[in-house]
N, C-alpha and C. Protein backbone atom coordinates (compact mmCIF):
# COMPACT_ATOMS: atom_id res chain seq x y z
N MET A 1 127.69 110.12 92.93
CA MET A 1 127.44 110.13 94.36
C MET A 1 126.42 111.09 94.43
N LYS A 2 125.43 111.01 95.37
CA LYS A 2 124.48 111.99 95.53
C LYS A 2 124.89 113.03 96.61
N ALA A 3 124.24 114.21 96.61
CA ALA A 3 124.61 115.23 97.58
C ALA A 3 124.50 114.81 98.94
N SER A 4 123.40 113.81 99.26
CA SER A 4 123.26 113.36 100.76
C SER A 4 124.44 112.45 100.97
N ASP A 5 125.07 111.73 99.97
CA ASP A 5 126.20 110.94 100.24
C ASP A 5 127.45 111.71 100.49
N VAL A 6 127.63 112.92 99.97
CA VAL A 6 128.70 113.75 100.18
C VAL A 6 128.58 114.37 101.61
N ALA A 7 127.29 114.71 101.86
CA ALA A 7 126.84 115.26 103.14
C ALA A 7 127.40 114.40 104.30
N THR A 8 127.28 113.07 104.25
CA THR A 8 127.58 112.26 105.23
C THR A 8 129.19 111.98 105.28
N THR A 9 129.84 112.16 104.08
CA THR A 9 131.23 111.73 104.12
C THR A 9 132.08 112.94 104.46
N THR A 10 131.55 114.21 104.35
CA THR A 10 132.35 115.41 104.72
C THR A 10 131.71 115.95 106.09
N LYS A 11 131.81 115.32 107.06
CA LYS A 11 131.18 115.79 108.29
C LYS A 11 131.91 116.83 109.01
N THR A 12 133.25 116.87 108.78
CA THR A 12 134.04 118.02 109.34
C THR A 12 134.74 118.94 108.47
N SER A 13 135.09 120.06 108.79
CA SER A 13 135.76 121.09 108.04
C SER A 13 136.65 121.89 109.01
N LYS A 14 137.81 122.38 108.42
CA LYS A 14 138.67 123.22 109.26
C LYS A 14 138.13 124.60 109.40
N SER A 15 138.14 125.14 110.55
CA SER A 15 137.70 126.51 110.65
C SER A 15 139.03 127.46 110.38
N THR A 16 138.73 128.64 110.60
CA THR A 16 139.91 129.69 110.39
C THR A 16 140.93 129.41 111.24
N ASN A 17 140.71 128.98 112.68
CA ASN A 17 141.58 128.76 113.54
C ASN A 17 142.28 127.44 113.52
N GLY A 18 141.90 126.54 112.52
CA GLY A 18 142.52 125.31 112.36
C GLY A 18 141.81 124.11 113.03
N ALA A 19 140.81 124.36 113.91
CA ALA A 19 140.09 123.47 114.63
C ALA A 19 139.12 122.84 113.69
N LEU A 20 138.75 121.64 113.95
CA LEU A 20 137.72 120.87 113.15
C LEU A 20 136.44 121.20 113.55
N LEU A 21 135.38 121.45 112.62
CA LEU A 21 134.18 121.80 112.94
C LEU A 21 133.24 120.57 112.53
N THR A 22 132.29 120.30 113.35
CA THR A 22 131.33 119.19 112.91
C THR A 22 129.93 119.72 112.54
N GLU A 23 129.18 118.90 112.04
CA GLU A 23 127.80 119.31 111.99
C GLU A 23 127.02 119.67 113.24
N GLU A 24 127.38 118.87 114.26
CA GLU A 24 126.70 119.15 115.56
C GLU A 24 127.16 120.35 116.09
N GLU A 25 128.50 120.77 115.96
CA GLU A 25 128.83 121.99 116.61
C GLU A 25 128.20 123.18 115.75
N ILE A 26 128.06 123.10 114.37
CA ILE A 26 127.61 124.08 113.79
C ILE A 26 126.01 124.24 114.17
N LEU A 27 125.32 123.13 114.33
CA LEU A 27 123.98 123.09 114.90
C LEU A 27 123.83 123.88 116.19
N LYS A 28 124.84 123.52 117.03
CA LYS A 28 124.75 124.14 118.49
C LYS A 28 124.98 125.58 118.43
N MET A 29 125.53 126.12 117.44
CA MET A 29 126.03 127.55 117.51
C MET A 29 124.74 128.39 117.59
N SER A 30 124.88 129.64 118.12
CA SER A 30 123.66 130.58 118.39
C SER A 30 123.48 131.16 116.97
N GLU A 31 122.19 131.87 116.97
CA GLU A 31 121.78 132.66 115.78
C GLU A 31 122.62 133.68 115.46
N LYS A 32 123.40 134.34 116.44
CA LYS A 32 124.36 135.41 116.06
C LYS A 32 125.51 135.08 115.35
N ASP A 33 125.86 133.75 115.54
CA ASP A 33 126.96 133.23 114.76
C ASP A 33 126.80 132.81 113.43
N TYR A 34 125.47 133.04 112.87
CA TYR A 34 125.12 132.58 111.63
C TYR A 34 125.94 133.11 110.42
N MET A 35 126.53 132.20 109.68
CA MET A 35 127.48 132.30 108.55
C MET A 35 128.81 133.00 108.99
N ASN A 36 129.17 132.66 110.15
CA ASN A 36 130.60 133.05 110.61
C ASN A 36 131.67 132.44 109.75
N PRO A 37 132.78 132.85 109.75
CA PRO A 37 133.94 132.22 108.96
C PRO A 37 134.06 130.76 108.99
N ALA A 38 133.87 130.26 110.23
CA ALA A 38 134.10 128.72 110.50
C ALA A 38 132.99 128.09 109.71
N GLN A 39 131.71 128.68 109.79
CA GLN A 39 130.61 127.97 109.13
C GLN A 39 130.72 128.03 107.50
N LEU A 40 131.24 129.25 107.09
CA LEU A 40 131.41 129.33 105.77
C LEU A 40 132.66 128.51 105.18
N ALA A 41 133.48 128.17 106.07
CA ALA A 41 134.55 127.29 105.68
C ALA A 41 134.01 125.76 105.62
N PHE A 42 133.28 125.50 106.57
CA PHE A 42 132.59 124.08 106.69
C PHE A 42 131.93 123.90 105.30
N PHE A 43 130.93 124.86 104.96
CA PHE A 43 130.11 124.63 103.73
C PHE A 43 130.85 124.75 102.49
N LYS A 44 132.03 125.49 102.46
CA LYS A 44 132.78 125.66 101.30
C LYS A 44 133.58 124.36 101.07
N ALA A 45 133.99 123.70 102.01
CA ALA A 45 134.66 122.43 102.11
C ALA A 45 133.66 121.31 101.57
N ARG A 46 132.52 121.49 102.04
CA ARG A 46 131.38 120.37 101.58
C ARG A 46 131.16 120.60 100.09
N LEU A 47 131.00 121.95 99.69
CA LEU A 47 130.71 122.07 98.27
C LEU A 47 131.79 121.70 97.47
N GLN A 48 133.03 121.95 97.75
CA GLN A 48 134.12 121.68 97.02
C GLN A 48 134.39 120.13 96.91
N GLN A 49 133.92 119.41 97.82
CA GLN A 49 134.02 117.90 97.75
C GLN A 49 132.98 117.49 96.98
N LEU A 50 131.73 117.96 96.84
CA LEU A 50 130.68 117.72 96.03
C LEU A 50 131.09 117.96 94.61
N GLU A 51 131.65 119.14 94.51
CA GLU A 51 132.10 119.47 93.06
C GLU A 51 133.15 118.46 92.47
N ARG A 52 134.05 118.03 93.27
CA ARG A 52 135.13 116.99 92.95
C ARG A 52 134.51 115.66 92.46
N ASP A 53 133.52 115.37 93.41
CA ASP A 53 132.72 114.00 93.11
C ASP A 53 132.02 114.08 91.89
N LEU A 54 131.35 115.19 91.74
CA LEU A 54 130.50 115.31 90.46
C LEU A 54 131.43 115.25 89.14
N LEU A 55 132.63 115.90 89.04
CA LEU A 55 133.48 115.90 88.12
C LEU A 55 134.16 114.55 87.81
N LYS A 56 134.27 113.75 88.94
CA LYS A 56 134.88 112.51 88.85
C LYS A 56 133.84 111.55 88.25
N ASN A 57 132.58 111.80 88.60
CA ASN A 57 131.43 110.93 87.82
C ASN A 57 131.46 111.19 86.45
N ALA A 58 131.45 112.47 86.05
CA ALA A 58 131.33 112.85 84.70
C ALA A 58 132.60 112.27 83.88
N ASP A 59 133.79 112.13 84.38
CA ASP A 59 134.88 111.54 83.73
C ASP A 59 134.70 110.02 83.62
N GLU A 60 134.19 109.46 84.66
CA GLU A 60 133.84 108.09 84.58
C GLU A 60 132.88 107.57 83.45
N THR A 61 131.79 108.51 83.39
CA THR A 61 130.78 108.25 82.43
C THR A 61 131.32 108.41 81.09
N THR A 62 132.09 109.42 80.78
CA THR A 62 132.74 109.68 79.49
C THR A 62 133.50 108.49 79.08
N GLU A 63 134.36 107.82 80.10
CA GLU A 63 135.04 106.70 79.79
C GLU A 63 134.25 105.48 79.50
N HIS A 64 133.12 105.29 80.27
CA HIS A 64 132.22 104.16 79.99
C HIS A 64 131.52 104.17 78.86
N LEU A 65 131.04 105.50 78.32
CA LEU A 65 130.32 105.64 77.18
C LEU A 65 131.31 105.29 75.81
N ARG A 66 132.61 105.59 76.10
CA ARG A 66 133.50 105.39 75.02
C ARG A 66 133.69 103.93 74.72
N GLU A 67 133.53 103.13 75.71
CA GLU A 67 133.67 101.69 75.51
C GLU A 67 132.62 101.25 74.68
N THR A 68 133.07 100.69 73.47
CA THR A 68 132.04 100.38 72.40
C THR A 68 132.02 98.79 72.41
N VAL A 69 130.77 98.25 72.79
CA VAL A 69 130.61 96.70 72.86
C VAL A 69 129.73 96.36 71.76
N LEU A 70 130.27 95.60 70.90
CA LEU A 70 129.43 95.06 69.77
C LEU A 70 128.71 93.87 70.11
N VAL A 71 127.29 94.00 70.29
CA VAL A 71 126.60 92.85 70.57
C VAL A 71 125.68 92.56 69.44
N PRO A 72 125.70 91.16 69.02
CA PRO A 72 124.87 91.02 67.81
C PRO A 72 123.24 90.83 68.16
N ASP A 73 123.01 90.52 69.39
CA ASP A 73 121.50 90.28 69.78
C ASP A 73 120.91 91.62 69.89
N PRO A 74 119.84 91.92 69.26
CA PRO A 74 119.02 93.11 69.37
C PRO A 74 118.59 93.58 70.71
N ALA A 75 118.13 92.42 71.51
CA ALA A 75 117.65 92.70 72.88
C ALA A 75 118.80 93.13 73.89
N ASP A 76 119.95 92.47 73.69
CA ASP A 76 121.06 93.02 74.46
C ASP A 76 121.52 94.54 74.18
N ARG A 77 121.47 94.74 72.75
CA ARG A 77 121.89 96.04 72.31
C ARG A 77 120.96 97.02 72.78
N ALA A 78 119.62 96.76 72.82
CA ALA A 78 118.64 97.74 73.31
C ALA A 78 118.87 97.92 74.82
N THR A 79 119.21 96.91 75.60
CA THR A 79 119.40 97.09 76.93
C THR A 79 120.64 97.87 77.44
N ILE A 80 121.78 97.70 76.39
CA ILE A 80 122.95 98.61 76.54
C ILE A 80 122.55 99.93 76.16
N GLU A 81 121.88 100.25 75.31
CA GLU A 81 121.44 101.58 74.92
C GLU A 81 120.67 102.23 75.76
N GLU A 82 119.57 101.56 76.45
CA GLU A 82 118.89 102.02 77.61
C GLU A 82 119.68 102.44 78.84
N GLU A 83 120.62 101.50 79.17
CA GLU A 83 121.46 101.95 80.14
C GLU A 83 122.43 103.16 79.98
N HIS A 84 122.88 103.24 78.71
CA HIS A 84 123.51 104.61 78.36
C HIS A 84 122.54 105.74 78.40
N ALA A 85 121.39 105.63 78.03
CA ALA A 85 120.44 106.72 78.19
C ALA A 85 120.15 107.12 79.48
N LEU A 86 120.04 106.15 80.47
CA LEU A 86 119.77 106.32 81.85
C LEU A 86 120.98 107.08 82.40
N GLU A 87 122.17 106.66 81.98
CA GLU A 87 123.44 107.23 82.63
C GLU A 87 123.59 108.54 82.20
N LEU A 88 123.22 108.93 80.92
CA LEU A 88 123.31 110.29 80.46
C LEU A 88 122.10 111.21 81.08
N ARG A 89 121.08 110.72 81.31
CA ARG A 89 120.02 111.58 82.04
C ARG A 89 120.63 111.92 83.36
N THR A 90 121.16 110.92 84.18
CA THR A 90 121.79 110.96 85.44
C THR A 90 122.88 112.16 85.37
N ARG A 91 123.72 111.90 84.48
CA ARG A 91 124.84 112.97 84.26
C ARG A 91 124.29 114.29 83.91
N ASP A 92 123.33 114.37 83.26
CA ASP A 92 122.67 115.74 82.87
C ASP A 92 122.09 116.33 84.14
N ARG A 93 121.57 115.61 85.02
CA ARG A 93 121.11 116.22 86.27
C ARG A 93 122.28 116.62 87.26
N GLU A 94 123.38 115.69 87.12
CA GLU A 94 124.56 116.14 87.92
C GLU A 94 125.21 117.33 87.27
N ARG A 95 125.16 117.50 86.01
CA ARG A 95 125.75 118.72 85.44
C ARG A 95 124.99 120.00 85.95
N LYS A 96 123.67 119.92 86.03
CA LYS A 96 122.91 121.04 86.55
C LYS A 96 123.32 121.28 88.00
N LEU A 97 123.39 120.19 88.81
CA LEU A 97 123.80 120.27 90.21
C LEU A 97 125.18 120.96 90.41
N LEU A 98 126.06 120.56 89.33
CA LEU A 98 127.55 121.12 89.46
C LEU A 98 127.41 122.72 89.18
N LYS A 99 126.53 123.04 88.30
CA LYS A 99 126.52 124.53 88.13
C LYS A 99 126.00 125.20 89.49
N LYS A 100 125.00 124.60 90.02
CA LYS A 100 124.48 125.22 91.38
C LYS A 100 125.57 125.18 92.42
N VAL A 101 126.33 124.13 92.45
CA VAL A 101 127.51 124.02 93.38
C VAL A 101 128.52 125.10 93.09
N GLN A 102 128.83 125.37 91.98
CA GLN A 102 129.94 126.29 91.67
C GLN A 102 129.20 127.82 91.97
N GLN A 103 127.98 127.87 91.73
CA GLN A 103 127.35 129.14 92.18
C GLN A 103 127.29 129.31 93.60
N SER A 104 127.09 128.25 94.34
CA SER A 104 127.05 128.36 95.77
C SER A 104 128.52 128.71 96.26
N ILE A 105 129.68 128.15 95.75
CA ILE A 105 130.88 128.36 96.17
C ILE A 105 131.27 129.90 95.88
N ALA A 106 130.80 130.55 94.62
CA ALA A 106 130.91 131.82 94.29
C ALA A 106 130.18 132.64 95.41
N SER A 107 129.03 132.21 95.74
CA SER A 107 128.25 133.05 96.80
C SER A 107 128.90 133.07 98.16
N ILE A 108 129.72 132.01 98.56
CA ILE A 108 130.42 132.03 99.69
C ILE A 108 131.48 132.93 99.69
N ASP A 109 132.31 132.97 98.43
CA ASP A 109 133.21 133.98 98.11
C ASP A 109 132.91 135.48 98.24
N SER A 110 131.66 135.76 97.87
CA SER A 110 131.11 137.01 97.83
C SER A 110 130.40 137.44 99.09
N SER A 111 130.31 136.40 100.14
CA SER A 111 129.62 136.67 101.32
C SER A 111 128.03 136.64 101.38
N ASP A 112 127.54 135.99 100.21
CA ASP A 112 126.06 135.97 100.02
C ASP A 112 125.52 134.70 100.39
N TYR A 113 126.33 133.64 100.69
CA TYR A 113 125.93 132.44 100.94
C TYR A 113 125.02 132.33 102.33
N GLY A 114 123.91 131.53 102.28
CA GLY A 114 123.21 131.47 103.49
C GLY A 114 122.07 132.29 103.70
N TRP A 115 121.89 133.26 102.66
CA TRP A 115 120.73 134.25 102.96
C TRP A 115 119.92 133.99 101.61
N CYS A 116 118.59 134.06 101.94
CA CYS A 116 117.58 133.85 100.77
C CYS A 116 117.57 134.92 99.77
N GLU A 117 117.63 134.52 98.59
CA GLU A 117 117.69 135.46 97.40
C GLU A 117 116.42 136.30 97.42
N GLU A 118 115.20 135.75 97.86
CA GLU A 118 114.07 136.47 97.69
C GLU A 118 113.69 137.46 98.83
N THR A 119 113.95 136.94 100.02
CA THR A 119 113.65 137.80 101.20
C THR A 119 114.80 138.40 102.10
N GLY A 120 115.87 137.82 101.75
CA GLY A 120 117.06 138.30 102.68
C GLY A 120 117.26 137.65 103.89
N GLU A 121 116.48 136.86 104.19
CA GLU A 121 116.35 136.21 105.54
C GLU A 121 117.45 135.00 105.67
N PRO A 122 117.90 134.71 106.77
CA PRO A 122 118.74 133.27 106.82
C PRO A 122 117.93 132.10 106.30
N ILE A 123 118.65 131.47 105.56
CA ILE A 123 118.12 130.14 104.96
C ILE A 123 117.90 129.11 106.06
N GLY A 124 118.92 129.08 106.96
CA GLY A 124 118.94 128.17 108.12
C GLY A 124 119.89 127.15 107.87
N ILE A 125 120.69 126.74 109.19
CA ILE A 125 121.85 125.86 109.06
C ILE A 125 121.24 124.39 108.70
N PRO A 126 120.01 123.99 109.39
CA PRO A 126 119.55 122.67 109.07
C PRO A 126 119.18 122.48 107.61
N ARG A 127 118.64 123.43 106.89
CA ARG A 127 118.44 123.37 105.45
C ARG A 127 119.58 123.26 104.70
N LEU A 128 120.70 124.09 105.00
CA LEU A 128 121.96 124.13 104.23
C LEU A 128 122.75 122.75 104.51
N LEU A 129 122.46 122.24 105.48
CA LEU A 129 123.11 120.91 105.77
C LEU A 129 122.53 119.85 104.93
N ALA A 130 121.09 119.91 104.78
CA ALA A 130 120.39 118.95 103.96
C ALA A 130 120.63 119.31 102.45
N ARG A 131 120.69 120.53 102.27
CA ARG A 131 120.77 120.98 100.72
C ARG A 131 121.85 122.17 100.55
N PRO A 132 122.93 121.88 100.53
CA PRO A 132 123.92 123.03 100.48
C PRO A 132 123.95 124.00 99.50
N THR A 133 123.12 123.58 98.30
CA THR A 133 123.10 124.59 97.22
C THR A 133 121.88 125.47 97.34
N ALA A 134 121.00 125.28 98.46
CA ALA A 134 119.73 126.11 98.64
C ALA A 134 120.05 127.58 98.53
N THR A 135 119.22 128.24 97.88
CA THR A 135 119.13 129.66 97.64
C THR A 135 118.10 130.29 98.22
N LEU A 136 117.15 129.66 98.64
CA LEU A 136 115.83 130.18 99.20
C LEU A 136 115.70 129.62 100.58
N SER A 137 114.98 130.31 101.38
CA SER A 137 114.43 129.81 102.71
C SER A 137 113.46 128.90 102.60
N LEU A 138 113.26 128.09 103.58
CA LEU A 138 112.00 127.03 103.53
C LEU A 138 110.78 127.72 103.08
N GLU A 139 110.33 128.88 103.63
CA GLU A 139 109.01 129.35 103.44
C GLU A 139 109.05 130.00 101.99
N ALA A 140 110.19 130.61 101.50
CA ALA A 140 110.26 131.18 100.20
C ALA A 140 110.16 130.14 99.12
N GLN A 141 110.65 129.01 99.46
CA GLN A 141 110.78 127.71 98.46
C GLN A 141 109.27 127.22 98.49
N GLN A 142 108.71 127.17 99.61
CA GLN A 142 107.27 126.75 99.63
C GLN A 142 106.39 127.71 98.87
N ARG A 143 106.41 128.98 98.98
CA ARG A 143 105.74 129.95 98.35
C ARG A 143 105.89 129.73 96.62
N ARG A 144 107.14 129.56 96.28
CA ARG A 144 107.60 129.39 94.97
C ARG A 144 106.98 128.12 94.47
N GLU A 145 107.07 127.00 95.10
CA GLU A 145 106.35 125.81 94.72
C GLU A 145 104.82 125.94 94.55
N LEU A 146 104.23 126.61 95.45
CA LEU A 146 102.86 126.78 95.52
C LEU A 146 102.36 127.63 94.29
N LYS A 147 103.16 128.71 93.86
CA LYS A 147 102.84 129.39 92.70
C LYS A 147 103.00 128.71 91.46
N GLN A 148 103.92 127.78 91.48
CA GLN A 148 104.18 126.95 90.22
C GLN A 148 103.00 125.83 90.17
N LYS A 149 102.55 125.40 91.35
CA LYS A 149 101.52 124.41 91.25
C LYS A 149 100.05 125.20 90.78
N LEU A 150 99.95 126.33 91.29
CA LEU A 150 98.80 127.06 91.04
C LEU A 150 98.71 127.63 89.58
N TYR A 151 99.82 127.98 89.15
CA TYR A 151 99.90 128.91 87.95
C TYR A 151 100.71 128.10 86.76
N GLY A 152 101.25 127.00 87.24
CA GLY A 152 102.06 126.47 86.07
C GLY A 152 102.98 127.42 85.33
N ASP A 153 103.15 127.28 83.99
CA ASP A 153 104.02 128.31 83.25
C ASP A 153 103.35 129.67 83.08
N GLN A 154 102.02 129.88 83.54
CA GLN A 154 101.45 131.07 83.36
C GLN A 154 101.98 132.13 84.28
N GLN A 155 102.04 133.37 84.15
CA GLN A 155 102.55 134.34 84.99
C GLN A 155 101.53 134.59 86.11
N PRO A 156 101.86 134.43 87.28
CA PRO A 156 100.94 134.73 88.41
C PRO A 156 100.88 136.29 88.50
N PRO A 157 99.65 136.56 89.17
CA PRO A 157 99.33 138.04 89.28
C PRO A 157 100.51 138.54 90.33
N HIS A 158 100.93 139.90 90.21
CA HIS A 158 102.05 140.38 90.76
C HIS A 158 101.80 140.68 92.31
N ASN A 159 100.50 140.97 92.60
CA ASN A 159 100.21 141.17 94.02
C ASN A 159 98.71 140.72 94.22
N LEU A 160 98.29 140.70 95.50
CA LEU A 160 97.12 140.33 95.82
C LEU A 160 95.96 141.33 95.37
N SER A 161 96.29 142.67 95.16
CA SER A 161 95.25 143.55 94.84
C SER A 161 94.94 143.31 93.45
N ASN A 162 96.01 143.06 92.59
CA ASN A 162 95.62 142.46 91.12
C ASN A 162 94.84 141.39 91.13
N LEU A 163 95.01 140.45 91.95
CA LEU A 163 94.17 139.19 92.01
C LEU A 163 92.81 139.55 92.32
N VAL A 164 92.62 140.40 93.51
CA VAL A 164 91.25 140.78 93.86
C VAL A 164 90.62 141.74 92.71
N ASP A 165 91.37 142.57 92.16
CA ASP A 165 90.87 143.36 91.16
C ASP A 165 90.36 142.50 89.96
N GLY A 166 91.19 141.61 89.53
CA GLY A 166 90.75 140.63 88.55
C GLY A 166 89.58 139.89 88.71
N HIS A 167 89.35 139.34 90.15
CA HIS A 167 88.14 138.66 90.30
C HIS A 167 86.90 139.59 90.38
N LEU A 168 87.16 140.78 90.82
CA LEU A 168 86.19 141.77 90.87
C LEU A 168 85.57 142.11 89.45
N MET A 169 86.64 142.25 88.58
CA MET A 169 86.30 142.61 87.13
C MET A 169 85.45 141.46 86.46
N VAL A 170 85.92 140.29 86.67
CA VAL A 170 85.17 139.09 86.20
C VAL A 170 83.73 139.06 86.76
N ALA A 171 83.51 139.33 88.05
CA ALA A 171 82.32 139.25 88.64
C ALA A 171 81.42 140.38 88.25
N ALA A 172 82.03 141.52 87.95
CA ALA A 172 81.28 142.67 87.46
C ALA A 172 80.75 142.42 85.95
N ALA A 173 81.72 141.79 85.17
CA ALA A 173 81.35 141.47 83.83
C ALA A 173 80.14 140.49 83.67
N ASN A 174 80.41 139.46 84.64
CA ASN A 174 79.27 138.59 84.70
C ASN A 174 77.91 139.17 85.32
N LEU A 175 77.85 140.12 86.10
CA LEU A 175 76.78 140.68 86.47
C LEU A 175 76.09 141.57 85.35
N LEU A 176 77.00 142.30 84.69
CA LEU A 176 76.63 142.97 83.52
C LEU A 176 75.81 142.20 82.46
N ARG A 177 76.50 140.93 82.15
CA ARG A 177 75.89 140.16 81.13
C ARG A 177 74.60 139.73 81.60
N ARG A 178 74.30 139.25 82.88
CA ARG A 178 73.14 138.89 83.32
C ARG A 178 72.09 139.88 83.27
N PHE A 179 72.50 141.26 83.61
CA PHE A 179 71.61 142.28 83.65
C PHE A 179 71.11 142.52 82.23
N GLN A 180 72.04 142.53 81.25
CA GLN A 180 71.59 142.76 79.91
C GLN A 180 70.73 141.71 79.39
N PHE A 181 70.97 140.53 79.75
CA PHE A 181 70.10 139.38 79.32
C PHE A 181 68.66 139.71 79.87
N TRP A 182 68.52 140.09 80.98
CA TRP A 182 67.07 140.32 81.66
C TRP A 182 66.46 141.54 80.96
N LEU A 183 67.34 142.58 80.55
CA LEU A 183 66.78 143.68 79.86
C LEU A 183 66.13 143.42 78.48
N ARG A 184 66.54 142.42 77.93
CA ARG A 184 65.88 142.12 76.52
C ARG A 184 64.44 141.74 76.77
N PHE A 185 64.11 141.19 77.75
CA PHE A 185 62.62 140.82 78.04
C PHE A 185 61.87 141.83 78.24
């Protein structure tokens, strides 16, 4: 089951006073109510449901892979092996998601949930409803993705002044080379 499927199946959660809270009610809350106990309870219930679903899927995969079917036809055998490989890749992604879900539950318990790891700003209720394991605000995530796109595995410059200084150094070196070239004549 995908995170979006769980998001639609767990629309409500009990708040601290026992009343049910819906996505619509959370979205209507003011900014000063951000990550109040009722909202934290809502997201904790959603994450716990997602955790249960991921663990259930993992158990089903284990059982499915234990079923050995002897098929004499090589094409059928290849198809079965490809299905198993696809299922294992899916479970590996879910394993990684499970780790993020457990980290998010721990951050709720430590009162860090809902706040950007990079900037300390609120992540935002709409983003958390769409992706309950988010640890960065939308702006911080976009910056991170842009850095990855620009620099790939290379280490980006630590700040803009390093970038400017680096470009100035390259430009100065190029000018020096040109000047030395013309001095030879």
